[in-house]
Amino acid sequence: MKKLFSLIVFAIAFSMILTACSSSTSSSGGKSNGSKTLNVWAWNINVPVLKNAEKEYAKTHPGFKLKVQDIANADVYSKLTTALQAGGQGLPDIVLVEDTVIQGYLDNFPKAFVNLSSKGFDKYADKFPQFKKDILTKDGKVYGFPFDAGPAGIFYRTDIFKQAGVDPSTIKTWDDFIAAGKTVKAKTGVPLIGQDSADDGIYRITLNQQGAYYFTKDGKIDFTSDASKNSMELEKKMTEAGIVKVTTGWDAGMSALLNGKVAASVTGCWMAGLISQQAPNLKGKWAMMPLPAFAAGGNTAADLGGSNWVIPSSGQNQDLAYNFLKFFSTTNSTQEMAMKGGLFPTLNTVYNSPLFTSPDEYFSNQTIWKTFADETKDIPSVTYTANYNVAHDEAVKAQSEILTSHKDISSSLEAAAKRFENRTK
């Protein structure tokens, strides 16, 4: 992921925003200019979902319109940060932001977004999983509507597993997973999983699974924790077992997965749409299993990816923005459209929909979406901070040292923590 925040920009912006926002309307008060049109910044697959919701909302609110600018997510953050430096000038009424960046904005631009708790969000709080609400909460107040998430699991090729004589139902722990991978490789010649040398997705998933992440709850770098060492040790074991195919970059990894060069992928639920869309000929040859636990009976829930909707405090139509987002975020039909559009919603009332409870023919008639839906309630909360991208960069470097250069896990993670501290002074 591109670097979304620079420490220098935030250092300057923080001092500016305290002054610039002090004259803006308080987030606890309403603001409406009488317009029935809202301006929104979002990207790619989120846009048609919004436009469908616009049509539904307009049925009971004649004249309502959305003007959605389809902007790449990195460009959204660049424009958002620049506008906040200027006290919110030029911002739309609604902005889509990912889980990984929202806490940085809340910390460094404390008056940037409307406090939704003051507008009544808390009445709907029980409709969303705790880990999403925690991401959006500062000082006990919620500053955004949760949207999609990426509950994690393992997608695997049923035909390759069958050829190897591996029963996926027997895989309960990561040790079981490694043992299965050895059998798959020995019987079929196919590595179990791929590892992108430019990313640390498995590390992040297994950290989250253990209730940890790059940072402690108070925002301190946490590379040297036991959980961090456990995750790196797991990756090292898989690599040394010979069950990993190393690739570089997204396209190479997807190619290996879709062309049967690896038998499985440890990833977020959103991978289901990519696999089924890009390899329709493999219908019935894919299935999904939950994450294995580190120890028998341990947690098997984690998240990889997600986004949320925020309302800039500088907006002139905050009441309409809130009311539309309340409709969008808490209405089953709009979230079903999100699901059909390739996004996994976090509104828990929609999980009773046939979209979630029905078997999926592509994935061997499994009810994979019910499995992912059930997982959301157990996903541990995460602290990201404004320095997420620096931490991600250093984690990838440490991972490379451990898996490629065969350096000691503890010393590599300690060195990564020191580099992080030097870069964020």
Protein backbone atom coordinates (compact mmCIF):
# COMPACT_ATOMS: atom_id res chain seq x y z
CA MET A 1 0.00 0.00 0.00
CA LYS A 2 1.23 3.45 -0.80
CA LYS A 3 2.24 5.64 2.10
CA LEU A 4 -0.86 7.59 3.02
CA PHE A 5 0.49 9.85 5.73
CA SER A 6 3.85 11.46 6.19
CA LEU A 7 4.93 12.38 9.66
CA ILE A 8 5.95 15.84 8.51
CA VAL A 9 2.54 16.54 6.99
CA PHE A 10 0.80 15.39 10.14
CA ALA A 11 3.05 17.41 12.41
CA ILE A 12 2.22 20.56 10.46
CA ALA A 13 -1.41 19.67 9.89
CA PHE A 14 -2.09 18.95 13.54
CA SER A 15 -1.18 22.45 14.64
CA MET A 16 -3.11 23.99 11.75
CA ILE A 17 -6.28 22.00 12.27
CA LEU A 18 -6.65 22.95 15.91
CA THR A 19 -6.96 26.55 14.85
CA ALA A 20 -8.77 26.03 11.56
CA CYS A 21 -11.45 23.75 12.96
CA SER A 22 -12.13 25.78 16.07
CA SER A 23 -14.32 28.13 14.07
CA SER A 24 -16.28 25.38 12.30
CA THR A 25 -19.65 24.09 13.42
CA SER A 26 -19.45 21.72 16.37
CA SER A 27 -20.04 18.08 15.47
CA SER A 28 -22.60 17.87 18.24
CA GLY A 29 -24.84 20.37 16.52
CA GLY A 30 -26.81 19.93 13.34
CA LYS A 31 -25.98 21.64 10.08
CA SER A 32 -28.09 21.81 6.96
CA ASN A 33 -28.03 24.15 3.98
CA GLY A 34 -31.36 22.92 2.67
CA SER A 35 -29.81 21.14 -0.30
CA LYS A 36 -31.00 17.67 -1.25
CA THR A 37 -27.68 16.77 -2.91
CA LEU A 38 -24.69 15.17 -1.21
CA ASN A 39 -21.15 15.05 -2.57
CA VAL A 40 -19.22 11.83 -1.89
CA TRP A 41 -15.64 10.61 -2.36
CA ALA A 42 -15.33 6.86 -2.87
CA TRP A 43 -13.61 4.37 -5.17
CA ASN A 44 -14.33 1.60 -7.72
CA ILE A 45 -16.77 -1.09 -6.53
CA ASN A 46 -18.21 1.16 -3.82
CA VAL A 47 -19.61 3.61 -6.37
CA PRO A 48 -22.40 1.48 -7.90
CA VAL A 49 -23.43 0.40 -4.41
CA LEU A 50 -23.88 4.06 -3.47
CA LYS A 51 -25.81 4.83 -6.63
CA ASN A 52 -28.23 1.98 -5.93
CA ALA A 53 -28.73 3.28 -2.41
CA GLU A 54 -29.38 6.75 -3.84
CA LYS A 55 -32.31 5.40 -5.85
CA GLU A 56 -33.77 3.65 -2.80
CA TYR A 57 -33.42 6.69 -0.55
CA ALA A 58 -34.95 8.98 -3.16
CA LYS A 59 -38.15 6.90 -3.13
CA THR A 60 -39.01 8.35 0.28
CA HIS A 61 -36.98 11.56 -0.09
CA PRO A 62 -37.97 13.09 -3.45
CA GLY A 63 -35.27 15.16 -5.07
CA PHE A 64 -32.43 13.47 -3.19
CA LYS A 65 -29.22 13.05 -5.20
CA LEU A 66 -25.68 11.82 -4.73
CA LYS A 67 -22.77 13.24 -6.67
CA VAL A 68 -20.13 10.54 -6.31
CA GLN A 69 -16.56 11.17 -7.38
CA ASP A 70 -14.81 7.89 -8.20
CA ILE A 71 -11.30 8.52 -6.86
CA ALA A 72 -8.55 5.98 -6.15
CA ASN A 73 -8.22 5.39 -2.41
CA ALA A 74 -4.66 6.75 -2.20
CA ASP A 75 -5.81 9.91 -3.97
CA VAL A 76 -8.75 10.23 -1.58
CA TYR A 77 -6.34 10.34 1.34
CA SER A 78 -4.04 12.83 -0.37
CA LYS A 79 -6.96 15.16 -1.12
CA LEU A 80 -8.45 14.63 2.33
CA THR A 81 -5.22 15.44 4.16
CA THR A 82 -4.59 18.52 2.02
CA ALA A 83 -8.12 19.78 2.60
CA LEU A 84 -7.91 19.22 6.35
CA GLN A 85 -4.72 21.25 6.43
CA ALA A 86 -6.79 24.06 5.01
CA GLY A 87 -9.46 23.70 7.69
CA GLY A 88 -11.72 21.43 5.68
CA GLN A 89 -12.01 23.58 2.57
CA GLY A 90 -13.09 21.68 -0.50
CA LEU A 91 -14.23 18.52 1.28
CA PRO A 92 -17.38 16.64 0.22
CA ASP A 93 -20.26 15.73 2.52
CA ILE A 94 -19.21 12.07 2.87
CA VAL A 95 -15.85 10.31 2.52
CA LEU A 96 -14.99 6.60 2.42
CA VAL A 97 -11.91 5.71 4.50
CA GLU A 98 -10.27 2.35 5.16
CA ASP A 99 -9.78 0.80 8.58
CA THR A 100 -6.01 1.26 8.35
CA VAL A 101 -6.17 5.07 8.12
CA ILE A 102 -9.16 6.22 10.17
CA GLN A 103 -7.38 6.19 13.54
CA GLY A 104 -4.57 8.31 12.14
CA TYR A 105 -7.06 10.93 11.05
CA LEU A 106 -8.91 10.85 14.37
CA ASP A 107 -5.63 11.31 16.27
CA ASN A 108 -4.13 14.02 14.12
CA PHE A 109 -7.28 15.85 13.03
CA PRO A 110 -9.46 15.56 16.14
CA LYS A 111 -12.19 17.89 14.88
CA ALA A 112 -12.19 16.74 11.28
CA PHE A 113 -15.26 14.49 11.38
CA VAL A 114 -18.74 14.70 12.85
CA ASN A 115 -19.29 12.96 16.17
CA LEU A 116 -22.01 10.51 15.18
CA SER A 117 -22.76 9.52 18.76
CA SER A 118 -24.20 12.98 19.25
CA LYS A 119 -26.52 12.40 16.31
CA GLY A 120 -27.92 9.10 17.52
CA PHE A 121 -25.55 6.44 16.17
CA ASP A 122 -25.37 4.69 19.54
CA LYS A 123 -28.96 3.48 19.06
CA TYR A 124 -27.69 1.35 16.18
CA ALA A 125 -24.36 0.33 17.66
CA ASP A 126 -25.41 -3.24 18.44
CA LYS A 127 -25.95 -3.85 14.72
CA PHE A 128 -22.17 -3.81 14.08
CA PRO A 129 -19.25 -5.94 15.33
CA GLN A 130 -17.13 -4.54 18.14
CA PHE A 131 -13.87 -4.48 16.20
CA LYS A 132 -15.38 -2.10 13.63
CA LYS A 133 -16.84 0.21 16.26
CA ASP A 134 -13.52 0.33 18.11
CA ILE A 135 -11.74 1.47 14.96
CA LEU A 136 -14.13 4.42 14.70
CA THR A 137 -14.19 5.38 18.37
CA LYS A 138 -12.19 8.09 20.10
CA ASP A 139 -12.79 9.20 23.69
CA GLY A 140 -15.97 7.15 23.78
CA LYS A 141 -17.51 8.78 20.71
CA VAL A 142 -18.07 7.15 17.31
CA TYR A 143 -16.96 9.12 14.25
CA GLY A 144 -18.10 6.98 11.34
CA PHE A 145 -20.52 4.36 10.08
CA PRO A 146 -18.95 0.90 9.74
CA PHE A 147 -19.20 -0.51 6.24
CA ASP A 148 -17.38 -3.55 4.88
CA ALA A 149 -14.83 -5.94 6.36
CA GLY A 150 -12.57 -8.80 5.33
CA PRO A 151 -13.01 -11.73 7.74
CA ALA A 152 -10.20 -14.15 6.97
CA GLY A 153 -10.13 -17.81 6.06
CA ILE A 154 -8.42 -20.29 3.74
CA PHE A 155 -9.62 -20.91 0.20
CA TYR A 156 -8.37 -24.21 -1.20
CA ARG A 157 -8.57 -26.39 -4.31
CA THR A 158 -10.70 -29.41 -3.50
CA ASP A 159 -9.36 -31.41 -6.44
CA ILE A 160 -5.74 -30.95 -5.34
CA PHE A 161 -6.56 -31.84 -1.73
CA LYS A 162 -8.48 -34.91 -2.91
CA GLN A 163 -5.59 -36.01 -5.10
CA ALA A 164 -3.30 -35.72 -2.08
CA GLY A 165 -5.74 -37.60 0.15
CA VAL A 166 -5.99 -34.68 2.59
CA ASP A 167 -9.25 -34.21 4.51
CA PRO A 168 -9.52 -30.46 5.28
CA SER A 169 -11.90 -31.15 8.18
CA THR A 170 -8.97 -32.61 10.12
CA ILE A 171 -7.05 -29.33 9.98
CA LYS A 172 -7.64 -27.68 13.35
CA THR A 173 -4.30 -26.03 14.12
CA TRP A 174 -1.53 -24.40 12.13
CA ASP A 175 0.63 -27.46 12.81
CA ASP A 176 -2.09 -29.55 11.15
CA PHE A 177 -2.05 -27.12 8.23
CA ILE A 178 1.69 -27.51 7.77
CA ALA A 179 1.42 -31.30 7.95
CA ALA A 180 -1.33 -31.22 5.32
CA GLY A 181 0.82 -28.97 3.17
CA LYS A 182 3.68 -31.45 3.26
CA THR A 183 1.33 -34.20 2.10
CA VAL A 184 -0.09 -32.04 -0.68
CA LYS A 185 3.39 -31.16 -1.90
CA ALA A 186 4.63 -34.77 -1.70
CA LYS A 187 1.59 -36.27 -3.47
CA THR A 188 0.91 -33.58 -6.09
CA GLY A 189 4.05 -31.47 -6.36
CA VAL A 190 1.98 -28.34 -5.68
CA PRO A 191 3.05 -25.95 -2.89
CA LEU A 192 0.28 -25.37 -0.36
CA ILE A 193 0.26 -21.55 -0.36
CA GLY A 194 1.84 -18.53 -2.00
CA GLN A 195 3.82 -15.85 -0.18
CA ASP A 196 4.07 -12.37 -1.65
CA SER A 197 7.56 -11.13 -0.84
CA ALA A 198 6.27 -7.55 -1.02
CA ASP A 199 3.49 -7.99 1.55
CA ASP A 200 2.87 -9.45 5.00
CA GLY A 201 -0.78 -10.48 4.80
CA ILE A 202 -0.33 -13.80 6.61
CA TYR A 203 1.64 -12.07 9.37
CA ARG A 204 -1.12 -9.50 9.85
CA ILE A 205 -3.89 -12.10 9.81
CA THR A 206 -2.20 -14.32 12.38
CA LEU A 207 -1.29 -11.33 14.56
CA ASN A 208 -4.92 -10.22 14.60
CA GLN A 209 -5.99 -13.80 15.30
CA GLN A 210 -3.91 -13.69 18.49
CA GLY A 211 -5.45 -10.37 19.57
CA ALA A 212 -2.32 -8.42 18.64
CA TYR A 213 -1.07 -6.23 15.80
CA TYR A 214 1.76 -3.87 14.85
CA PHE A 215 0.82 -1.63 17.78
CA THR A 216 -0.24 -1.98 21.40
CA LYS A 217 -3.58 -0.54 22.45
CA ASP A 218 -1.85 2.70 23.44
CA GLY A 219 -0.18 3.01 20.04
CA LYS A 220 3.34 1.77 20.82
CA ILE A 221 5.15 -0.38 18.27
CA ASP A 222 4.77 -4.04 19.24
CA PHE A 223 7.01 -6.02 16.88
CA THR A 224 8.78 -7.83 19.70
CA SER A 225 5.66 -9.26 21.36
CA ASP A 226 5.18 -12.99 21.80
CA ALA A 227 2.35 -12.88 19.27
CA SER A 228 4.60 -11.23 16.69
CA LYS A 229 7.27 -13.88 17.21
CA ASN A 230 4.62 -16.62 16.97
CA SER A 231 3.43 -15.30 13.63
CA MET A 232 6.92 -15.03 12.17
CA GLU A 233 7.80 -18.47 13.53
CA LEU A 234 4.72 -19.89 11.80
CA GLU A 235 5.76 -18.38 8.48
CA LYS A 236 9.29 -19.68 8.98
CA LYS A 237 7.99 -23.20 9.66
CA MET A 238 5.86 -23.15 6.54
CA THR A 239 8.76 -21.90 4.42
CA GLU A 240 11.21 -24.44 5.81
CA ALA A 241 8.64 -27.21 5.25
CA GLY A 242 8.82 -26.44 1.54
CA ILE A 243 5.12 -25.75 1.19
CA VAL A 244 5.37 -22.09 0.16
CA LYS A 245 5.72 -20.64 -3.33
CA VAL A 246 7.29 -17.18 -3.16
CA THR A 247 5.93 -14.63 -5.61
CA THR A 248 6.44 -10.88 -5.97
CA GLY A 249 3.48 -8.56 -6.38
CA TRP A 250 -0.27 -8.99 -6.56
CA ASP A 251 -0.54 -10.16 -10.17
CA ALA A 252 2.04 -12.93 -9.77
CA GLY A 253 0.33 -14.20 -6.64
CA MET A 254 -3.11 -14.26 -8.28
CA SER A 255 -1.73 -16.00 -11.34
CA ALA A 256 -0.23 -18.76 -9.20
CA LEU A 257 -3.49 -19.19 -7.31
CA LEU A 258 -5.77 -19.26 -10.35
CA ASN A 259 -3.51 -21.51 -12.40
CA GLY A 260 -3.12 -24.24 -9.78
CA LYS A 261 0.50 -23.40 -8.96
CA VAL A 262 -0.52 -23.29 -5.29
CA ALA A 263 -3.31 -25.22 -3.60
CA ALA A 264 -4.64 -22.65 -1.13
CA SER A 265 -4.66 -19.02 -0.02
CA VAL A 266 -4.74 -17.56 3.50
CA THR A 267 -6.62 -14.33 2.92
CA GLY A 268 -9.74 -12.19 3.39
CA CYS A 269 -13.24 -13.20 2.30
CA TRP A 270 -13.09 -10.76 -0.62
CA MET A 271 -10.86 -13.28 -2.42
CA ALA A 272 -13.98 -15.35 -3.12
CA GLY A 273 -15.25 -12.83 -5.65
CA LEU A 274 -11.90 -12.55 -7.39
CA ILE A 275 -11.51 -16.31 -7.72
CA SER A 276 -15.03 -16.96 -8.97
CA GLN A 277 -14.98 -14.06 -11.42
CA GLN A 278 -11.54 -14.78 -12.87
CA ALA A 279 -11.74 -18.58 -12.94
CA PRO A 280 -15.38 -19.51 -13.67
CA ASN A 281 -14.20 -22.81 -15.16
CA LEU A 282 -13.12 -23.97 -11.69
CA LYS A 283 -16.63 -23.93 -10.25
CA GLY A 284 -16.95 -26.70 -7.69
CA LYS A 285 -13.19 -27.12 -7.38
CA TRP A 286 -12.83 -24.49 -4.67
CA ALA A 287 -13.89 -24.56 -1.04
CA MET A 288 -13.15 -22.61 2.13
CA MET A 289 -12.08 -23.53 5.65
CA PRO A 290 -11.76 -21.32 8.75
CA LEU A 291 -8.32 -20.26 9.91
CA PRO A 292 -6.55 -22.95 11.94
CA ALA A 293 -5.85 -22.05 15.58
CA PHE A 294 -2.40 -21.70 17.10
CA ALA A 295 -3.48 -24.20 19.73
CA ALA A 296 -6.45 -26.57 19.72
CA GLY A 297 -9.61 -24.68 20.65
CA GLY A 298 -7.99 -21.28 20.14
CA ASN A 299 -9.35 -18.28 18.26
CA THR A 300 -9.82 -18.71 14.51
CA ALA A 301 -11.13 -15.23 13.68
CA ALA A 302 -9.22 -12.36 12.07
CA ASP A 303 -9.77 -9.56 9.58
CA LEU A 304 -7.93 -8.35 6.49
CA GLY A 305 -9.36 -5.17 5.03
CA GLY A 306 -12.41 -2.97 5.44
CA SER A 307 -13.72 0.59 5.19
CA ASN A 308 -16.09 3.09 6.78
CA TRP A 309 -18.05 6.26 6.02
CA VAL A 310 -17.23 9.57 7.71
CA ILE A 311 -18.85 13.02 7.54
CA PRO A 312 -16.41 15.98 7.46
CA SER A 313 -17.17 18.61 10.09
CA SER A 314 -16.74 21.32 7.48
CA GLY A 315 -19.69 19.98 5.48
CA GLN A 316 -22.70 22.20 5.01
CA ASN A 317 -25.26 19.41 4.95
CA GLN A 318 -24.35 17.19 7.90
CA ASP A 319 -27.92 16.28 8.88
CA LEU A 320 -28.75 14.97 5.42
CA ALA A 321 -25.42 13.15 5.23
CA TYR A 322 -26.08 11.47 8.58
CA ASN A 323 -29.64 10.51 7.69
CA PHE A 324 -28.60 9.03 4.35
CA LEU A 325 -25.73 7.08 5.91
CA LYS A 326 -28.02 5.83 8.66
CA PHE A 327 -30.38 4.53 5.96
CA PHE A 328 -27.56 3.10 3.89
CA SER A 329 -25.73 1.47 6.80
CA THR A 330 -28.67 -0.01 8.72
CA THR A 331 -30.99 -1.13 5.89
CA ASN A 332 -30.74 -4.77 4.86
CA SER A 333 -31.59 -4.17 1.21
CA THR A 334 -28.78 -1.66 0.68
CA GLN A 335 -26.28 -3.95 2.35
CA GLU A 336 -27.49 -6.86 0.25
CA MET A 337 -26.63 -4.73 -2.78
CA ALA A 338 -23.17 -4.20 -1.30
CA MET A 339 -22.80 -7.95 -0.93
CA LYS A 340 -23.88 -8.51 -4.53
CA GLY A 341 -21.36 -5.86 -5.53
CA GLY A 342 -18.46 -7.75 -3.99
CA LEU A 343 -18.30 -6.09 -0.56
CA PHE A 344 -18.79 -7.93 2.73
CA PRO A 345 -21.09 -5.79 4.93
CA THR A 346 -20.76 -5.61 8.70
CA LEU A 347 -24.45 -4.91 9.39
CA ASN A 348 -25.32 -8.04 11.35
CA THR A 349 -29.07 -7.99 10.61
CA VAL A 350 -28.35 -8.74 6.95
CA TYR A 351 -26.68 -12.03 7.82
CA ASN A 352 -30.08 -13.75 7.86
CA SER A 353 -30.46 -13.01 4.16
CA PRO A 354 -30.35 -15.96 1.73
CA LEU A 355 -27.21 -14.31 0.31
CA PHE A 356 -25.47 -15.48 3.47
CA THR A 357 -27.39 -18.61 4.42
CA SER A 358 -27.60 -20.29 1.00
CA PRO A 359 -24.98 -22.74 -0.31
CA ASP A 360 -22.53 -21.31 -2.83
CA GLU A 361 -22.30 -23.56 -5.89
CA TYR A 362 -18.89 -22.24 -6.89
CA PHE A 363 -17.45 -23.10 -3.49
CA SER A 364 -18.59 -26.74 -3.40
CA ASN A 365 -22.05 -25.80 -2.09
CA GLN A 366 -20.63 -24.61 1.20
CA THR A 367 -22.36 -21.81 3.13
CA ILE A 368 -19.11 -19.85 3.14
CA TRP A 369 -20.76 -16.50 3.77
CA LYS A 370 -22.48 -17.73 6.91
CA THR A 371 -19.08 -18.93 8.13
CA PHE A 372 -17.59 -15.50 7.52
CA ALA A 373 -20.60 -13.77 9.07
CA ASP A 374 -20.31 -15.88 12.22
CA GLU A 375 -16.62 -15.03 12.38
CA THR A 376 -17.14 -11.26 12.61
CA LYS A 377 -18.28 -11.33 16.22
CA ASP A 378 -15.00 -12.93 17.33
CA ILE A 379 -12.52 -10.73 15.42
CA PRO A 380 -10.20 -8.97 17.89
CA SER A 381 -10.01 -5.17 17.78
CA VAL A 382 -6.92 -3.51 16.29
CA THR A 383 -4.99 -0.29 16.84
CA TYR A 384 -3.54 1.12 13.61
CA THR A 385 -2.27 4.69 14.33
CA ALA A 386 -1.07 7.30 11.83
CA ASN A 387 2.19 5.37 11.47
CA TYR A 388 0.56 2.23 10.08
CA ASN A 389 2.36 2.42 6.76
CA VAL A 390 5.77 2.86 8.34
CA ALA A 391 5.07 -0.20 10.50
CA HIS A 392 3.89 -2.17 7.47
CA ASP A 393 7.07 -1.30 5.59
CA GLU A 394 9.28 -2.42 8.47
CA ALA A 395 7.28 -5.61 9.01
CA VAL A 396 7.78 -6.59 5.36
CA LYS A 397 11.53 -5.96 5.71
CA ALA A 398 11.72 -8.11 8.84
CA GLN A 399 9.72 -10.85 7.18
CA SER A 400 12.14 -10.87 4.24
CA GLU A 401 15.13 -11.07 6.57
CA ILE A 402 13.61 -14.01 8.43
CA LEU A 403 12.28 -15.99 5.47
CA THR A 404 14.83 -15.18 2.79
CA SER A 405 18.04 -14.27 4.60
CA HIS A 406 17.33 -16.75 7.43
CA LYS A 407 18.06 -14.23 10.17
CA ASP A 408 17.04 -14.76 13.78
CA ILE A 409 13.40 -13.88 14.44
CA SER A 410 13.92 -11.97 17.68
CA SER A 411 16.85 -9.92 16.42
CA SER A 412 15.10 -9.10 13.13
CA LEU A 413 11.96 -7.92 14.93
CA GLU A 414 14.00 -5.90 17.41
CA ALA A 415 15.86 -4.24 14.53
CA ALA A 416 12.54 -3.49 12.81
CA ALA A 417 11.22 -1.86 15.98
CA LYS A 418 14.35 0.33 16.23
CA ARG A 419 14.07 1.37 12.59
CA PHE A 420 10.43 2.24 13.16
CA GLU A 421 11.30 4.37 16.18
CA ASN A 422 14.01 6.20 14.23
CA ARG A 423 11.67 6.88 11.33
CA THR A 424 8.88 8.23 13.53
CA LYS A 425 10.83 10.45 15.91
